[in-house]
Amino acid sequence: MLNYFVIFDYNFKELSMNSRQMRRQVIKIAMSIKEMTKMDIAKALDWSYPTTLKKIKNPSTLSVDDAEKLCDLIDLDIVKFIKPF
């Protein structure tokens, strides 16, 4: 599991990002580390590509089940992901 608090050396709150933006950044960085594209995510999770784009753009709308599947796929800790920043 990637611990995204270790990945980043800076405080998100100092960057004036809201929780949705922070989660989106965490997803993008984890995808980059895993060398996965949005299409890879869509295929692996059996989501349509437009649905995948929507879920990554606004991760706060993910169901718990979808968030868990996504976190498992890109090696994020689900508890830390859903916990408010």
N, C-alpha and C. Protein backbone atom coordinates (compact mmCIF):
# COMPACT_ATOMS: atom_id res chain seq x y z
N MET A 1 0.83 -1.20 0.00
CA MET A 1 0.00 0.00 0.00
C MET A 1 0.86 1.26 0.00
N LEU A 2 0.49 2.17 -0.83
CA LEU A 2 1.19 3.45 -0.82
C LEU A 2 0.64 4.30 0.30
N ASN A 3 1.51 4.91 1.01
CA ASN A 3 1.07 5.84 2.04
C ASN A 3 1.30 7.23 1.47
N TYR A 4 0.22 7.85 1.00
CA TYR A 4 0.39 9.11 0.30
C TYR A 4 0.83 10.23 1.21
N PHE A 5 0.76 10.05 2.51
CA PHE A 5 1.29 11.07 3.40
C PHE A 5 2.82 11.04 3.37
N VAL A 6 3.38 9.90 3.04
CA VAL A 6 4.83 9.78 2.93
C VAL A 6 5.30 10.30 1.57
N ILE A 7 4.48 10.10 0.53
CA ILE A 7 4.83 10.51 -0.81
C ILE A 7 5.03 12.02 -0.88
N PHE A 8 4.19 12.76 -0.20
CA PHE A 8 4.23 14.21 -0.29
C PHE A 8 5.03 14.80 0.86
N ASP A 9 5.85 15.74 0.53
CA ASP A 9 6.70 16.39 1.52
C ASP A 9 6.12 17.73 1.95
N TYR A 10 4.95 18.05 1.50
CA TYR A 10 4.36 19.34 1.80
C TYR A 10 2.95 19.16 2.36
N ASN A 11 2.43 20.19 2.93
CA ASN A 11 1.11 20.16 3.55
C ASN A 11 0.08 20.62 2.53
N PHE A 12 -0.89 19.74 2.21
CA PHE A 12 -1.92 20.08 1.24
C PHE A 12 -2.68 21.36 1.62
N LYS A 13 -2.94 21.53 2.90
CA LYS A 13 -3.72 22.68 3.32
C LYS A 13 -3.04 24.00 2.95
N GLU A 14 -1.73 23.99 2.92
CA GLU A 14 -0.99 25.19 2.52
C GLU A 14 -1.16 25.48 1.04
N LEU A 15 -1.60 24.50 0.27
CA LEU A 15 -1.79 24.68 -1.16
C LEU A 15 -3.20 25.16 -1.50
N SER A 16 -4.02 25.38 -0.49
CA SER A 16 -5.39 25.84 -0.67
C SER A 16 -6.20 24.91 -1.57
N MET A 17 -6.08 23.64 -1.35
CA MET A 17 -6.85 22.65 -2.10
C MET A 17 -7.97 22.14 -1.22
N ASN A 18 -9.12 21.90 -1.81
CA ASN A 18 -10.20 21.30 -1.03
C ASN A 18 -10.04 19.77 -1.05
N SER A 19 -10.87 19.08 -0.30
CA SER A 19 -10.74 17.62 -0.17
C SER A 19 -10.85 16.91 -1.51
N ARG A 20 -11.76 17.36 -2.35
CA ARG A 20 -11.94 16.73 -3.66
C ARG A 20 -10.67 16.87 -4.49
N GLN A 21 -10.10 18.06 -4.50
CA GLN A 21 -8.88 18.29 -5.26
C GLN A 21 -7.72 17.45 -4.72
N MET A 22 -7.64 17.34 -3.40
CA MET A 22 -6.57 16.55 -2.79
C MET A 22 -6.71 15.08 -3.15
N ARG A 23 -7.93 14.57 -3.06
CA ARG A 23 -8.16 13.16 -3.41
C ARG A 23 -7.84 12.92 -4.88
N ARG A 24 -8.24 13.84 -5.73
CA ARG A 24 -7.97 13.71 -7.17
C ARG A 24 -6.46 13.67 -7.41
N GLN A 25 -5.71 14.52 -6.72
CA GLN A 25 -4.26 14.53 -6.86
C GLN A 25 -3.64 13.22 -6.37
N VAL A 26 -4.14 12.72 -5.25
CA VAL A 26 -3.64 11.46 -4.70
C VAL A 26 -3.88 10.33 -5.71
N ILE A 27 -5.07 10.30 -6.31
CA ILE A 27 -5.39 9.28 -7.31
C ILE A 27 -4.42 9.39 -8.49
N LYS A 28 -4.24 10.60 -9.00
CA LYS A 28 -3.37 10.80 -10.16
C LYS A 28 -1.92 10.39 -9.86
N ILE A 29 -1.44 10.73 -8.69
CA ILE A 29 -0.06 10.37 -8.33
C ILE A 29 0.07 8.86 -8.18
N ALA A 30 -0.90 8.23 -7.53
CA ALA A 30 -0.86 6.78 -7.36
C ALA A 30 -0.94 6.08 -8.71
N MET A 31 -1.78 6.59 -9.61
CA MET A 31 -1.87 6.03 -10.96
C MET A 31 -0.52 6.16 -11.68
N SER A 32 0.12 7.30 -11.51
CA SER A 32 1.41 7.53 -12.14
C SER A 32 2.47 6.56 -11.60
N ILE A 33 2.47 6.37 -10.30
CA ILE A 33 3.43 5.45 -9.69
C ILE A 33 3.19 4.02 -10.19
N LYS A 34 1.92 3.66 -10.34
CA LYS A 34 1.57 2.32 -10.83
C LYS A 34 1.63 2.23 -12.36
N GLU A 35 1.92 3.39 -13.01
CA GLU A 35 1.96 3.47 -14.47
C GLU A 35 0.66 3.00 -15.10
N MET A 36 -0.45 3.49 -14.55
CA MET A 36 -1.77 3.15 -15.04
C MET A 36 -2.42 4.38 -15.66
N THR A 37 -3.14 4.15 -16.74
CA THR A 37 -3.89 5.22 -17.37
C THR A 37 -5.35 5.14 -16.89
N LYS A 38 -6.11 6.15 -17.22
CA LYS A 38 -7.53 6.14 -16.89
C LYS A 38 -8.23 4.98 -17.61
N MET A 39 -7.79 4.69 -18.82
CA MET A 39 -8.35 3.56 -19.56
C MET A 39 -8.03 2.24 -18.85
N ASP A 40 -6.82 2.11 -18.31
CA ASP A 40 -6.47 0.91 -17.53
C ASP A 40 -7.39 0.75 -16.33
N ILE A 41 -7.66 1.87 -15.66
CA ILE A 41 -8.57 1.85 -14.50
C ILE A 41 -9.96 1.39 -14.94
N ALA A 42 -10.44 1.98 -16.03
CA ALA A 42 -11.78 1.64 -16.54
C ALA A 42 -11.89 0.15 -16.85
N LYS A 43 -10.89 -0.38 -17.53
CA LYS A 43 -10.93 -1.81 -17.88
C LYS A 43 -10.83 -2.70 -16.65
N ALA A 44 -9.93 -2.36 -15.75
CA ALA A 44 -9.73 -3.20 -14.56
C ALA A 44 -10.94 -3.22 -13.64
N LEU A 45 -11.65 -2.09 -13.57
CA LEU A 45 -12.80 -2.01 -12.67
C LEU A 45 -14.13 -2.22 -13.38
N ASP A 46 -14.06 -2.50 -14.67
CA ASP A 46 -15.25 -2.73 -15.50
C ASP A 46 -16.20 -1.53 -15.46
N TRP A 47 -15.60 -0.34 -15.53
CA TRP A 47 -16.35 0.91 -15.63
C TRP A 47 -16.22 1.40 -17.05
N SER A 48 -17.21 2.14 -17.53
CA SER A 48 -17.04 2.78 -18.83
C SER A 48 -16.00 3.89 -18.68
N TYR A 49 -15.40 4.28 -19.80
CA TYR A 49 -14.40 5.33 -19.73
C TYR A 49 -14.99 6.65 -19.24
N PRO A 50 -16.17 7.08 -19.74
CA PRO A 50 -16.75 8.33 -19.23
C PRO A 50 -17.06 8.26 -17.73
N THR A 51 -17.51 7.11 -17.25
CA THR A 51 -17.77 6.95 -15.82
C THR A 51 -16.47 7.07 -15.02
N THR A 52 -15.42 6.47 -15.54
CA THR A 52 -14.11 6.55 -14.88
C THR A 52 -13.64 8.00 -14.79
N LEU A 53 -13.77 8.74 -15.88
CA LEU A 53 -13.38 10.15 -15.88
C LEU A 53 -14.16 10.93 -14.83
N LYS A 54 -15.47 10.67 -14.76
CA LYS A 54 -16.32 11.37 -13.79
C LYS A 54 -15.92 11.02 -12.36
N LYS A 55 -15.64 9.76 -12.10
CA LYS A 55 -15.29 9.33 -10.74
C LYS A 55 -13.93 9.86 -10.30
N ILE A 56 -12.99 9.93 -11.24
CA ILE A 56 -11.68 10.46 -10.89
C ILE A 56 -11.73 11.98 -10.74
N LYS A 57 -12.53 12.62 -11.57
CA LYS A 57 -12.65 14.08 -11.48
C LYS A 57 -13.30 14.52 -10.17
N ASN A 58 -14.25 13.73 -9.69
CA ASN A 58 -14.95 14.08 -8.46
C ASN A 58 -15.00 12.85 -7.54
N PRO A 59 -13.87 12.51 -6.92
CA PRO A 59 -13.81 11.29 -6.11
C PRO A 59 -14.71 11.30 -4.88
N SER A 60 -15.20 12.45 -4.49
CA SER A 60 -16.10 12.49 -3.33
C SER A 60 -17.44 11.85 -3.64
N THR A 61 -17.74 11.62 -4.93
CA THR A 61 -19.00 10.96 -5.30
C THR A 61 -18.87 9.45 -5.39
N LEU A 62 -17.67 8.92 -5.17
CA LEU A 62 -17.47 7.47 -5.21
C LEU A 62 -18.24 6.79 -4.09
N SER A 63 -18.88 5.68 -4.41
CA SER A 63 -19.47 4.87 -3.35
C SER A 63 -18.33 4.25 -2.56
N VAL A 64 -18.61 3.78 -1.38
CA VAL A 64 -17.57 3.14 -0.57
C VAL A 64 -17.01 1.93 -1.32
N ASP A 65 -17.89 1.18 -1.95
CA ASP A 65 -17.46 -0.01 -2.70
C ASP A 65 -16.53 0.38 -3.86
N ASP A 66 -16.92 1.40 -4.62
CA ASP A 66 -16.08 1.86 -5.72
C ASP A 66 -14.75 2.44 -5.23
N ALA A 67 -14.80 3.18 -4.14
CA ALA A 67 -13.57 3.75 -3.57
C ALA A 67 -12.64 2.63 -3.13
N GLU A 68 -13.20 1.60 -2.53
CA GLU A 68 -12.39 0.46 -2.07
C GLU A 68 -11.75 -0.26 -3.26
N LYS A 69 -12.52 -0.47 -4.32
CA LYS A 69 -11.98 -1.13 -5.51
C LYS A 69 -10.86 -0.30 -6.14
N LEU A 70 -11.10 1.00 -6.25
CA LEU A 70 -10.09 1.88 -6.83
C LEU A 70 -8.82 1.90 -5.98
N CYS A 71 -8.99 2.03 -4.68
CA CYS A 71 -7.83 2.06 -3.78
C CYS A 71 -7.05 0.75 -3.82
N ASP A 72 -7.75 -0.37 -3.87
CA ASP A 72 -7.07 -1.66 -3.98
C ASP A 72 -6.26 -1.73 -5.28
N LEU A 73 -6.84 -1.24 -6.35
CA LEU A 73 -6.19 -1.31 -7.65
C LEU A 73 -4.92 -0.45 -7.70
N ILE A 74 -4.97 0.73 -7.11
CA ILE A 74 -3.82 1.64 -7.20
C ILE A 74 -3.02 1.69 -5.90
N ASP A 75 -3.27 0.73 -5.02
CA ASP A 75 -2.51 0.56 -3.78
C ASP A 75 -2.57 1.76 -2.83
N LEU A 76 -3.77 2.25 -2.61
CA LEU A 76 -3.97 3.30 -1.61
C LEU A 76 -4.69 2.71 -0.41
N ASP A 77 -4.42 3.22 0.75
CA ASP A 77 -5.11 2.80 1.97
C ASP A 77 -6.49 3.46 1.98
N ILE A 78 -7.54 2.66 1.92
CA ILE A 78 -8.91 3.18 1.82
C ILE A 78 -9.28 4.05 3.01
N VAL A 79 -8.84 3.70 4.19
CA VAL A 79 -9.19 4.47 5.39
C VAL A 79 -8.60 5.88 5.28
N LYS A 80 -7.36 5.96 4.88
CA LYS A 80 -6.73 7.27 4.73
C LYS A 80 -7.31 8.05 3.55
N PHE A 81 -7.75 7.32 2.53
CA PHE A 81 -8.33 7.99 1.35
C PHE A 81 -9.66 8.64 1.68
N ILE A 82 -10.52 7.93 2.41
CA ILE A 82 -11.85 8.49 2.67
C ILE A 82 -11.87 9.44 3.87
N LYS A 83 -10.86 9.35 4.70
CA LYS A 83 -10.76 10.27 5.84
C LYS A 83 -10.59 11.69 5.33
N PRO A 84 -11.35 12.64 5.87
CA PRO A 84 -11.20 14.03 5.41
C PRO A 84 -9.79 14.54 5.64
N PHE A 85 -9.32 15.32 4.70
CA PHE A 85 -7.97 15.91 4.80
C PHE A 85 -8.00 17.06 5.75
